[in-house]
C-alpha atoms as a PDB file:
ATOM      1  CA  MET A   1       2.282  35.543-109.379  1.00  0.00           C
ATOM      2  CA  ASN A   2       3.540  39.081-108.788  1.00  0.00           C
ATOM      3  CA  LEU A   3       7.014  37.526-108.711  1.00  0.00           C
ATOM      4  CA  LEU A   4       6.272  36.135-112.166  1.00  0.00           C
ATOM      5  CA  LEU A   5       5.619  39.623-113.428  1.00  0.00           C
ATOM      6  CA  ALA A   6       8.809  40.912-111.843  1.00  0.00           C
ATOM      7  CA  GLU A   7      10.835  38.142-113.482  1.00  0.00           C
ATOM      8  CA  ALA A   8       9.170  38.720-116.845  1.00  0.00           C
ATOM      9  CA  ALA A   9       9.787  42.452-116.649  1.00  0.00           C
ATOM     10  CA  SER A  10      13.426  41.978-115.690  1.00  0.00           C
ATOM     11  CA  ALA A  11      14.095  39.649-118.640  1.00  0.00           C
ATOM     12  CA  ALA A  12      16.078  41.402-121.352  1.00  0.00           C
ATOM     13  CA  PRO A  13      14.410  40.929-124.750  1.00  0.00           C
ATOM     14  CA  SER A  14      17.092  42.933-126.583  1.00  0.00           C
ATOM     15  CA  ASP A  15      18.765  39.775-127.892  1.00  0.00           C
ATOM     16  CA  ILE A  16      15.640  38.566-129.724  1.00  0.00           C
ATOM     17  CA  VAL A  17      16.488  37.477-133.268  1.00  0.00           C
ATOM     18  CA  ASP A  18      14.006  39.082-135.659  1.00  0.00           C
ATOM     19  CA  LEU A  19      13.114  37.371-138.933  1.00  0.00           C
ATOM     20  CA  THR A  20      13.905  39.327-142.094  1.00  0.00           C
ATOM     21  CA  LEU A  21      11.881  39.218-145.317  1.00  0.00           C
ATOM     22  CA  PRO A  22      14.337  36.781-147.033  1.00  0.00           C
ATOM     23  CA  GLN A  23      14.124  34.521-143.979  1.00  0.00           C
ATOM     24  CA  MET A  24      10.322  34.567-144.109  1.00  0.00           C
ATOM     25  CA  ILE A  25      10.458  33.714-147.823  1.00  0.00           C
ATOM     26  CA  ALA A  26      12.718  30.779-146.933  1.00  0.00           C
ATOM     27  CA  ILE A  27      10.180  29.634-144.329  1.00  0.00           C
ATOM     28  CA  TYR A  28       7.370  29.652-146.893  1.00  0.00           C
ATOM     29  CA  ALA A  29       9.642  27.782-149.325  1.00  0.00           C
ATOM     30  CA  VAL A  30       9.559  24.845-146.877  1.00  0.00           C
ATOM     31  CA  LEU A  31       5.904  24.419-147.908  1.00  0.00           C
ATOM     32  CA  VAL A  32       6.993  23.250-151.370  1.00  0.00           C
ATOM     33  CA  LEU A  33       7.818  19.758-150.088  1.00  0.00           C
ATOM     34  CA  PRO A  34       4.454  18.917-148.445  1.00  0.00           C
ATOM     35  CA  LEU A  35       2.571  20.540-151.338  1.00  0.00           C
ATOM     36  CA  VAL A  36       4.459  18.409-153.864  1.00  0.00           C
ATOM     37  CA  VAL A  37       3.677  15.291-151.827  1.00  0.00           C
ATOM     38  CA  LEU A  38      -0.021  16.215-151.609  1.00  0.00           C
ATOM     39  CA  GLY A  39      -0.085  16.908-155.340  1.00  0.00           C
ATOM     40  CA  LEU A  40       1.611  13.652-156.336  1.00  0.00           C
ATOM     41  CA  LEU A  41      -0.811  11.694-154.140  1.00  0.00           C
ATOM     42  CA  ARG A  42      -3.741  13.537-155.735  1.00  0.00           C
ATOM     43  CA  THR A  43      -5.289  14.346-152.391  1.00  0.00           C
ATOM     44  CA  GLY A  44      -7.054  17.435-153.730  1.00  0.00           C
ATOM     45  CA  LEU A  45      -5.653  19.419-150.787  1.00  0.00           C
ATOM     46  CA  VAL A  46      -3.072  21.588-152.582  1.00  0.00           C
ATOM     47  CA  LYS A  47      -5.429  24.439-153.423  1.00  0.00           C
ATOM     48  CA  THR A  48      -7.135  24.256-150.023  1.00  0.00           C
ATOM     49  CA  THR A  49      -3.772  24.319-148.250  1.00  0.00           C
ATOM     50  CA  LEU A  50      -2.502  27.285-150.239  1.00  0.00           C
ATOM     51  CA  ILE A  51      -5.692  29.248-149.574  1.00  0.00           C
ATOM     52  CA  ALA A  52      -5.448  28.412-145.864  1.00  0.00           C
ATOM     53  CA  PHE A  53      -1.845  29.645-145.638  1.00  0.00           C
ATOM     54  CA  VAL A  54      -2.642  32.836-147.562  1.00  0.00           C
ATOM     55  CA  ARG A  55      -5.603  33.525-145.284  1.00  0.00           C
ATOM     56  CA  MET A  56      -3.524  32.764-142.208  1.00  0.00           C
ATOM     57  CA  THR A  57      -0.790  35.165-143.321  1.00  0.00           C
ATOM     58  CA  ILE A  58      -3.171  38.014-144.132  1.00  0.00           C
ATOM     59  CA  GLN A  59      -5.194  37.527-140.947  1.00  0.00           C
ATOM     60  CA  LEU A  60      -2.135  37.340-138.702  1.00  0.00           C
ATOM     61  CA  VAL A  61      -0.536  40.423-140.265  1.00  0.00           C
ATOM     62  CA  LEU A  62      -3.755  42.409-139.852  1.00  0.00           C
ATOM     63  CA  VAL A  63      -4.207  41.162-136.282  1.00  0.00           C
ATOM     64  CA  GLY A  64      -0.576  41.997-135.526  1.00  0.00           C
ATOM     65  CA  LEU A  65      -1.107  45.569-136.729  1.00  0.00           C
ATOM     66  CA  TYR A  66      -4.340  45.841-134.781  1.00  0.00           C
ATOM     67  CA  LEU A  67      -2.854  44.377-131.598  1.00  0.00           C
ATOM     68  CA  LYS A  68      -0.013  46.897-131.695  1.00  0.00           C
ATOM     69  CA  VAL A  69      -2.588  49.696-131.726  1.00  0.00           C
ATOM     70  CA  LEU A  70      -4.645  47.925-129.060  1.00  0.00           C
ATOM     71  CA  PHE A  71      -1.627  47.457-126.789  1.00  0.00           C
ATOM     72  CA  ASP A  72      -0.574  51.075-127.265  1.00  0.00           C
ATOM     73  CA  LEU A  73      -4.064  52.337-126.406  1.00  0.00           C
ATOM     74  CA  ASN A  74      -4.472  49.787-123.584  1.00  0.00           C
ATOM     75  CA  SER A  75      -8.136  50.790-123.235  1.00  0.00           C
ATOM     76  CA  TRP A  76     -10.423  48.402-121.361  1.00  0.00           C
ATOM     77  CA  LEU A  77     -13.314  49.386-123.654  1.00  0.00           C
ATOM     78  CA  VAL A  78     -11.396  48.570-126.855  1.00  0.00           C
ATOM     79  CA  THR A  79     -10.183  45.318-125.275  1.00  0.00           C
ATOM     80  CA  LEU A  80     -13.753  44.333-124.414  1.00  0.00           C
ATOM     81  CA  LEU A  81     -14.889  45.071-127.968  1.00  0.00           C
ATOM     82  CA  TRP A  82     -12.106  42.841-129.341  1.00  0.00           C
ATOM     83  CA  ILE A  83     -13.089  40.074-126.911  1.00  0.00           C
ATOM     84  CA  ALA A  84     -16.689  40.359-128.163  1.00  0.00           C
ATOM     85  CA  VAL A  85     -15.490  39.964-131.766  1.00  0.00           C
ATOM     86  CA  MET A  86     -13.446  36.907-130.768  1.00  0.00           C
ATOM     87  CA  LEU A  87     -16.435  35.344-128.998  1.00  0.00           C
ATOM     88  CA  VAL A  88     -18.853  35.825-131.900  1.00  0.00           C
ATOM     89  CA  THR A  89     -16.309  34.528-134.435  1.00  0.00           C
ATOM     90  CA  ALA A  90     -15.531  31.477-132.284  1.00  0.00           C
ATOM     91  CA  ASN A  91     -19.236  30.822-131.757  1.00  0.00           C
ATOM     92  CA  VAL A  92     -20.004  30.834-135.481  1.00  0.00           C
ATOM     93  CA  SER A  93     -17.069  28.476-136.089  1.00  0.00           C
ATOM     94  CA  ILE A  94     -18.224  26.087-133.339  1.00  0.00           C
ATOM     95  CA  ILE A  95     -21.714  25.715-134.788  1.00  0.00           C
ATOM     96  CA  GLN A  96     -20.540  25.387-138.381  1.00  0.00           C
ATOM     97  CA  GLN A  97     -17.865  22.791-137.622  1.00  0.00           C
ATOM     98  CA  ALA A  98     -20.261  20.804-135.441  1.00  0.00           C
ATOM     99  CA  GLY A  99     -22.670  20.595-138.406  1.00  0.00           C
ATOM    100  CA  LEU A 100     -25.525  22.233-136.491  1.00  0.00           C
ATOM    101  CA  SER A 101     -28.029  24.931-137.351  1.00  0.00           C
ATOM    102  CA  MET A 102     -27.042  28.514-136.529  1.00  0.00           C
ATOM    103  CA  ARG A 103     -30.709  29.340-136.010  1.00  0.00           C
ATOM    104  CA  TYR A 104     -31.114  26.882-133.138  1.00  0.00           C
ATOM    105  CA  PHE A 105     -27.752  27.059-131.382  1.00  0.00           C
ATOM    106  CA  PHE A 106     -26.246  30.524-131.853  1.00  0.00           C
ATOM    107  CA  VAL A 107     -27.513  31.957-128.561  1.00  0.00           C
ATOM    108  CA  THR A 108     -26.945  28.854-126.421  1.00  0.00           C
ATOM    109  CA  THR A 109     -23.382  28.185-127.562  1.00  0.00           C
ATOM    110  CA  LEU A 110     -22.500  31.882-127.319  1.00  0.00           C
ATOM    111  CA  ALA A 111     -23.760  31.916-123.726  1.00  0.00           C
ATOM    112  CA  GLY A 112     -21.919  28.744-122.721  1.00  0.00           C
ATOM    113  CA  THR A 113     -18.659  29.733-124.393  1.00  0.00           C
ATOM    114  CA  THR A 114     -18.778  33.269-122.998  1.00  0.00           C
ATOM    115  CA  VAL A 115     -19.384  32.180-119.404  1.00  0.00           C
ATOM    116  CA  ALA A 116     -16.644  29.544-119.500  1.00  0.00           C
ATOM    117  CA  ALA A 117     -13.949  31.559-121.309  1.00  0.00           C
ATOM    118  CA  ILE A 118     -14.476  34.926-119.616  1.00  0.00           C
ATOM    119  CA  SER A 119     -14.893  33.662-116.046  1.00  0.00           C
ATOM    120  CA  VAL A 120     -11.716  31.551-116.047  1.00  0.00           C
ATOM    121  CA  SER A 121      -9.601  34.008-118.062  1.00  0.00           C
ATOM    122  CA  LEU A 122     -10.504  36.955-115.853  1.00  0.00           C
ATOM    123  CA  LEU A 123      -9.851  34.854-112.754  1.00  0.00           C
ATOM    124  CA  LEU A 124      -6.332  34.109-113.993  1.00  0.00           C
ATOM    125  CA  VAL A 125      -5.554  37.671-115.075  1.00  0.00           C
ATOM    126  CA  MET A 126      -7.240  39.737-112.362  1.00  0.00           C
ATOM    127  CA  ALA A 127      -7.132  37.510-109.287  1.00  0.00           C
ATOM    128  CA  ILE A 128      -3.887  35.587-109.776  1.00  0.00           C
ATOM    129  CA  ILE A 129      -1.502  37.411-112.144  1.00  0.00           C
ATOM    130  CA  GLN A 130      -2.759  40.912-111.194  1.00  0.00           C
ATOM    131  CA  PRO A 131      -0.959  43.040-113.803  1.00  0.00           C
ATOM    132  CA  ALA A 132      -0.841  46.818-113.550  1.00  0.00           C
ATOM    133  CA  PRO A 133      -3.123  48.140-114.906  1.00  0.00           C
ATOM    134  CA  LEU A 134      -5.430  45.287-113.956  1.00  0.00           C
ATOM    135  CA  PHE A 135      -7.067  45.094-117.393  1.00  0.00           C
ATOM    136  CA  ASP A 136      -3.765  45.230-119.274  1.00  0.00           C
ATOM    137  CA  ALA A 137      -4.402  44.253-122.917  1.00  0.00           C
ATOM    138  CA  ARG A 138      -0.997  42.536-123.172  1.00  0.00           C
ATOM    139  CA  TYR A 139      -2.178  39.957-120.648  1.00  0.00           C
ATOM    140  CA  VAL A 140      -5.937  39.843-121.222  1.00  0.00           C
ATOM    141  CA  ILE A 141      -5.941  39.363-125.015  1.00  0.00           C
ATOM    142  CA  PRO A 142      -3.307  36.577-125.346  1.00  0.00           C
ATOM    143  CA  ILE A 143      -4.589  34.611-122.350  1.00  0.00           C
ATOM    144  CA  PHE A 144      -8.225  34.968-123.417  1.00  0.00           C
ATOM    145  CA  GLY A 145      -7.273  33.981-126.964  1.00  0.00           C
ATOM    146  CA  MET A 146      -5.571  30.771-125.813  1.00  0.00           C
ATOM    147  CA  THR A 147      -8.399  29.733-123.496  1.00  0.00           C
ATOM    148  CA  LEU A 148     -11.089  30.596-126.056  1.00  0.00           C
ATOM    149  CA  GLY A 149      -9.305  28.754-128.859  1.00  0.00           C
ATOM    150  CA  ASN A 150      -9.094  25.550-126.846  1.00  0.00           C
ATOM    151  CA  CYS A 151     -12.640  25.983-125.546  1.00  0.00           C
ATOM    152  CA  MET A 152     -13.785  26.311-129.170  1.00  0.00           C
ATOM    153  CA  ARG A 153     -12.108  23.046-130.196  1.00  0.00           C
ATOM    154  CA  GLY A 154     -13.589  21.276-127.179  1.00  0.00           C
ATOM    155  CA  ASN A 155     -17.081  22.582-127.904  1.00  0.00           C
ATOM    156  CA  VAL A 156     -16.920  21.517-131.551  1.00  0.00           C
ATOM    157  CA  LEU A 157     -16.005  17.970-130.539  1.00  0.00           C
ATOM    158  CA  THR A 158     -18.584  17.883-127.743  1.00  0.00           C
ATOM    159  CA  LEU A 159     -21.588  19.128-129.698  1.00  0.00           C
ATOM    160  CA  GLU A 160     -20.758  17.183-132.854  1.00  0.00           C
ATOM    161  CA  ARG A 161     -20.200  13.919-130.988  1.00  0.00           C
ATOM    162  CA  PHE A 162     -23.197  14.401-128.668  1.00  0.00           C
ATOM    163  CA  TYR A 163     -25.831  15.050-131.341  1.00  0.00           C
ATOM    164  CA  SER A 164     -24.408  12.816-134.069  1.00  0.00           C
ATOM    165  CA  SER A 165     -24.181   9.833-131.692  1.00  0.00           C
ATOM    166  CA  ILE A 166     -27.800  10.289-130.600  1.00  0.00           C
ATOM    167  CA  ARG A 167     -28.836  10.632-134.239  1.00  0.00           C
ATOM    168  CA  THR A 168     -27.083   7.437-135.308  1.00  0.00           C
ATOM    169  CA  SER A 169     -28.316   5.532-132.214  1.00  0.00           C
ATOM    170  CA  GLU A 170     -31.821   6.973-132.125  1.00  0.00           C
ATOM    171  CA  LYS A 171     -33.531   3.592-131.633  1.00  0.00           C
ATOM    172  CA  GLU A 172     -31.374   2.907-128.596  1.00  0.00           C
ATOM    173  CA  PHE A 173     -32.031   6.440-127.329  1.00  0.00           C
ATOM    174  CA  LEU A 174     -35.815   6.028-127.690  1.00  0.00           C
ATOM    175  CA  THR A 175     -35.709   2.574-126.097  1.00  0.00           C
ATOM    176  CA  ARG A 176     -34.124   4.058-122.967  1.00  0.00           C
ATOM    177  CA  GLN A 177     -37.007   6.505-122.683  1.00  0.00           C
ATOM    178  CA  MET A 178     -39.651   3.832-123.315  1.00  0.00           C
ATOM    179  CA  LEU A 179     -38.117   1.826-120.470  1.00  0.00           C
ATOM    180  CA  GLY A 180     -38.752   4.757-118.130  1.00  0.00           C
ATOM    181  CA  ALA A 181     -35.611   6.886-118.423  1.00  0.00           C
ATOM    182  CA  THR A 182     -36.011  10.646-118.244  1.00  0.00           C
ATOM    183  CA  LEU A 183     -34.518  12.781-121.000  1.00  0.00           C
ATOM    184  CA  PHE A 184     -31.445  13.533-118.896  1.00  0.00           C
ATOM    185  CA  GLU A 185     -31.010   9.855-118.009  1.00  0.00           C
ATOM    186  CA  ALA A 186     -31.320   8.904-121.684  1.00  0.00           C
ATOM    187  CA  ILE A 187     -28.757  11.437-122.893  1.00  0.00           C
ATOM    188  CA  ARG A 188     -26.251  10.803-120.078  1.00  0.00           C
ATOM    189  CA  PRO A 189     -24.183   8.105-121.908  1.00  0.00           C
ATOM    190  CA  TYR A 190     -23.942  10.289-125.011  1.00  0.00           C
ATOM    191  CA  ALA A 191     -22.961  13.337-122.961  1.00  0.00           C
ATOM    192  CA  ILE A 192     -20.222  11.376-121.177  1.00  0.00           C
ATOM    193  CA  ALA A 193     -18.869  10.042-124.499  1.00  0.00           C
ATOM    194  CA  ALA A 194     -18.893  13.558-125.947  1.00  0.00           C
ATOM    195  CA  LEU A 195     -17.027  14.975-122.934  1.00  0.00           C
ATOM    196  CA  ARG A 196     -14.452  12.203-123.167  1.00  0.00           C
ATOM    197  CA  ALA A 197     -13.880  13.035-126.833  1.00  0.00           C
ATOM    198  CA  ALA A 198     -13.493  16.740-126.049  1.00  0.00           C
ATOM    199  CA  LEU A 199     -11.083  16.252-123.142  1.00  0.00           C
ATOM    200  CA  ALA A 200      -8.952  13.442-124.560  1.00  0.00           C
ATOM    201  CA  PRO A 201      -6.674  15.743-126.646  1.00  0.00           C
ATOM    202  CA  SER A 202      -6.013  18.081-123.684  1.00  0.00           C
ATOM    203  CA  ILE A 203      -5.256  15.186-121.350  1.00  0.00           C
ATOM    204  CA  ALA A 204      -2.904  13.614-123.909  1.00  0.00           C
ATOM    205  CA  VAL A 205      -1.057  16.912-124.414  1.00  0.00           C
ATOM    206  CA  MET A 206      -0.664  17.494-120.665  1.00  0.00           C
ATOM    207  CA  ALA A 207       0.546  13.949-120.056  1.00  0.00           C
ATOM    208  CA  THR A 208       3.425  14.336-122.540  1.00  0.00           C
ATOM    209  CA  MET A 209       4.158  18.062-122.187  1.00  0.00           C
ATOM    210  CA  GLY A 210       7.819  18.807-121.620  1.00  0.00           C
ATOM    211  CA  ILE A 211       8.886  15.372-122.850  1.00  0.00           C
ATOM    212  CA  VAL A 212       7.329  14.978-126.289  1.00  0.00           C
ATOM    213  CA  SER A 213       6.784  18.663-126.988  1.00  0.00           C
ATOM    214  CA  LEU A 214       7.492  22.148-125.693  1.00  0.00           C
ATOM    215  CA  PRO A 215       4.217  24.111-125.705  1.00  0.00           C
ATOM    216  CA  GLY A 216       3.840  27.231-127.808  1.00  0.00           C
ATOM    217  CA  MET A 217       3.344  29.740-125.003  1.00  0.00           C
ATOM    218  CA  MET A 218       6.407  28.514-123.133  1.00  0.00           C
ATOM    219  CA  THR A 219       8.553  28.531-126.286  1.00  0.00           C
ATOM    220  CA  GLY A 220       7.342  32.012-127.199  1.00  0.00           C
ATOM    221  CA  GLN A 221       8.182  33.419-123.773  1.00  0.00           C
ATOM    222  CA  ILE A 222      11.662  31.880-123.816  1.00  0.00           C
ATOM    223  CA  LEU A 223      12.301  33.326-127.287  1.00  0.00           C
ATOM    224  CA  GLY A 224      10.979  36.634-125.966  1.00  0.00           C
ATOM    225  CA  GLY A 225      13.630  36.733-123.246  1.00  0.00           C
ATOM    226  CA  SER A 226      11.860  35.237-120.217  1.00  0.00           C
ATOM    227  CA  SER A 227      13.680  32.735-118.027  1.00  0.00           C
ATOM    228  CA  PRO A 228      12.674  29.078-118.563  1.00  0.00           C
ATOM    229  CA  MET A 229      11.186  28.811-115.057  1.00  0.00           C
ATOM    230  CA  THR A 230       9.023  31.906-115.567  1.00  0.00           C
ATOM    231  CA  ALA A 231       7.819  30.482-118.884  1.00  0.00           C
ATOM    232  CA  ILE A 232       7.053  27.132-117.220  1.00  0.00           C
ATOM    233  CA  LYS A 233       5.000  28.785-114.466  1.00  0.00           C
ATOM    234  CA  TYR A 234       2.918  30.666-117.004  1.00  0.00           C
ATOM    235  CA  GLN A 235       2.479  27.506-119.082  1.00  0.00           C
ATOM    236  CA  ILE A 236       1.195  25.560-116.066  1.00  0.00           C
ATOM    237  CA  ALA A 237      -1.225  28.387-115.259  1.00  0.00           C
ATOM    238  CA  ILE A 238      -2.575  28.548-118.800  1.00  0.00           C
ATOM    239  CA  MET A 239      -2.935  24.750-119.086  1.00  0.00           C
ATOM    240  CA  VAL A 240      -4.986  24.639-115.879  1.00  0.00           C
ATOM    241  CA  CYS A 241      -7.196  27.401-117.279  1.00  0.00           C
ATOM    242  CA  ILE A 242      -7.527  25.729-120.685  1.00  0.00           C
ATOM    243  CA  PHE A 243      -8.608  22.439-119.141  1.00  0.00           C
ATOM    244  CA  THR A 244     -11.072  24.171-116.810  1.00  0.00           C
ATOM    245  CA  VAL A 245     -12.564  26.245-119.635  1.00  0.00           C
ATOM    246  CA  THR A 246     -12.892  23.162-121.860  1.00  0.00           C
ATOM    247  CA  VAL A 247     -14.758  21.200-119.165  1.00  0.00           C
ATOM    248  CA  ILE A 248     -17.069  24.065-118.182  1.00  0.00           C
ATOM    249  CA  GLY A 249     -17.716  25.130-121.781  1.00  0.00           C
ATOM    250  CA  ALA A 250     -18.426  21.609-123.022  1.00  0.00           C
ATOM    251  CA  LEU A 251     -20.813  20.836-120.169  1.00  0.00           C
ATOM    252  CA  LEU A 252     -22.625  24.179-120.402  1.00  0.00           C
ATOM    253  CA  ASN A 253     -23.079  23.861-124.150  1.00  0.00           C
ATOM    254  CA  ILE A 254     -24.637  20.423-123.815  1.00  0.00           C
ATOM    255  CA  LEU A 255     -27.011  21.535-121.038  1.00  0.00           C
ATOM    256  CA  LEU A 256     -27.976  24.840-122.655  1.00  0.00           C
ATOM    257  CA  SER A 257     -28.553  23.233-126.057  1.00  0.00           C
ATOM    258  CA  ILE A 258     -30.975  20.557-124.836  1.00  0.00           C
ATOM    259  CA  PRO A 259     -34.148  22.733-125.030  1.00  0.00           C
ATOM    260  CA  LYS A 260     -33.252  23.542-128.651  1.00  0.00           C
ATOM    261  CA  GLY A 261     -32.096  20.064-129.613  1.00  0.00           C
ATOM    262  CA  PHE A 262     -35.164  18.154-128.425  1.00  0.00           C
ATOM    263  CA  ASP A 263     -38.879  18.831-128.799  1.00  0.00           C
ATOM    264  CA  LYS A 264     -41.525  18.730-126.059  1.00  0.00           C
ATOM    265  CA  TYR A 265     -41.848  14.958-126.562  1.00  0.00           C
ATOM    266  CA  HIS A 266     -38.091  14.517-125.945  1.00  0.00           C
ATOM    267  CA  MET A 267     -37.519  13.592-129.575  1.00  0.00           C
ATOM    268  CA  LEU A 268     -34.347  14.727-131.325  1.00  0.00           C
ATOM    269  CA  ARG A 269     -35.111  17.560-133.759  1.00  0.00           C
ATOM    270  CA  GLN A 270     -33.850  16.583-137.194  1.00  0.00           C
ATOM    271  CA  GLU A 271     -33.939  20.185-138.394  1.00  0.00           C
ATOM    272  CA  ILE A 272     -31.058  21.127-136.075  1.00  0.00           C
ATOM    273  CA  PHE A 273     -28.594  19.412-138.436  1.00  0.00           C
ATOM    274  CA  VAL A 274     -27.184  21.242-141.419  1.00  0.00           C
ATOM    275  CA  LYS A 275     -27.959  19.391-144.640  1.00  0.00           C
ATOM    276  CA  THR A 276     -24.833  18.240-146.464  1.00  0.00           C
END
């Protein structure tokens, strides 16, 4: 991996084509077509889409300004604080999108997500890539962001599918226990189905990567001046980490949430679901 760093450092980014303000305006103008289609079909998504793009633009600009300062400082303490903000934000999003109660699951999902994302990300950065300095923000923040983002999506799918499937099949779930199954034996089929749902998108992406699509990290590195082979090596490394984080995070969040999701009689708590 040190060779990867040497190749990346030797790549000349001076020929990068920057996007001017008129070009960015032209990019946003492309949105007119899908918005017109959504409006004509009366989907009710025009306003939501516009708000989402405005929020995305503002958030990315602010993050870009902040990351420039963060990279210039390159302080491990500031980097850790930013990672903490990312973890808390991702955790809140996981619980909300899964339709579960923040009161019951905030601590458990934060613990599971933190262990999975930090352990694998730090392993990649500090043990394999080994940048200098070791806690270089330019490596830690982007890699942690990619692994955390995918872990978040996996956890949303896992928790939502796990608890909603038990809720909709509660008679079957209780029958398993009445026939002598322990709580873990009764939840096993639902846990497996939830893990399958969480991992299916990652497996599908990996199976077609390079043929159907060029992944974002690889494309970004090539546009940034890295050689295609260097970009491919980094993409393979990050995909391995993303898959590992998704598996560990999904499994941990199921296991850690069980004491909160079920009462002492092994009954599913109905109050864990957010009322819609």
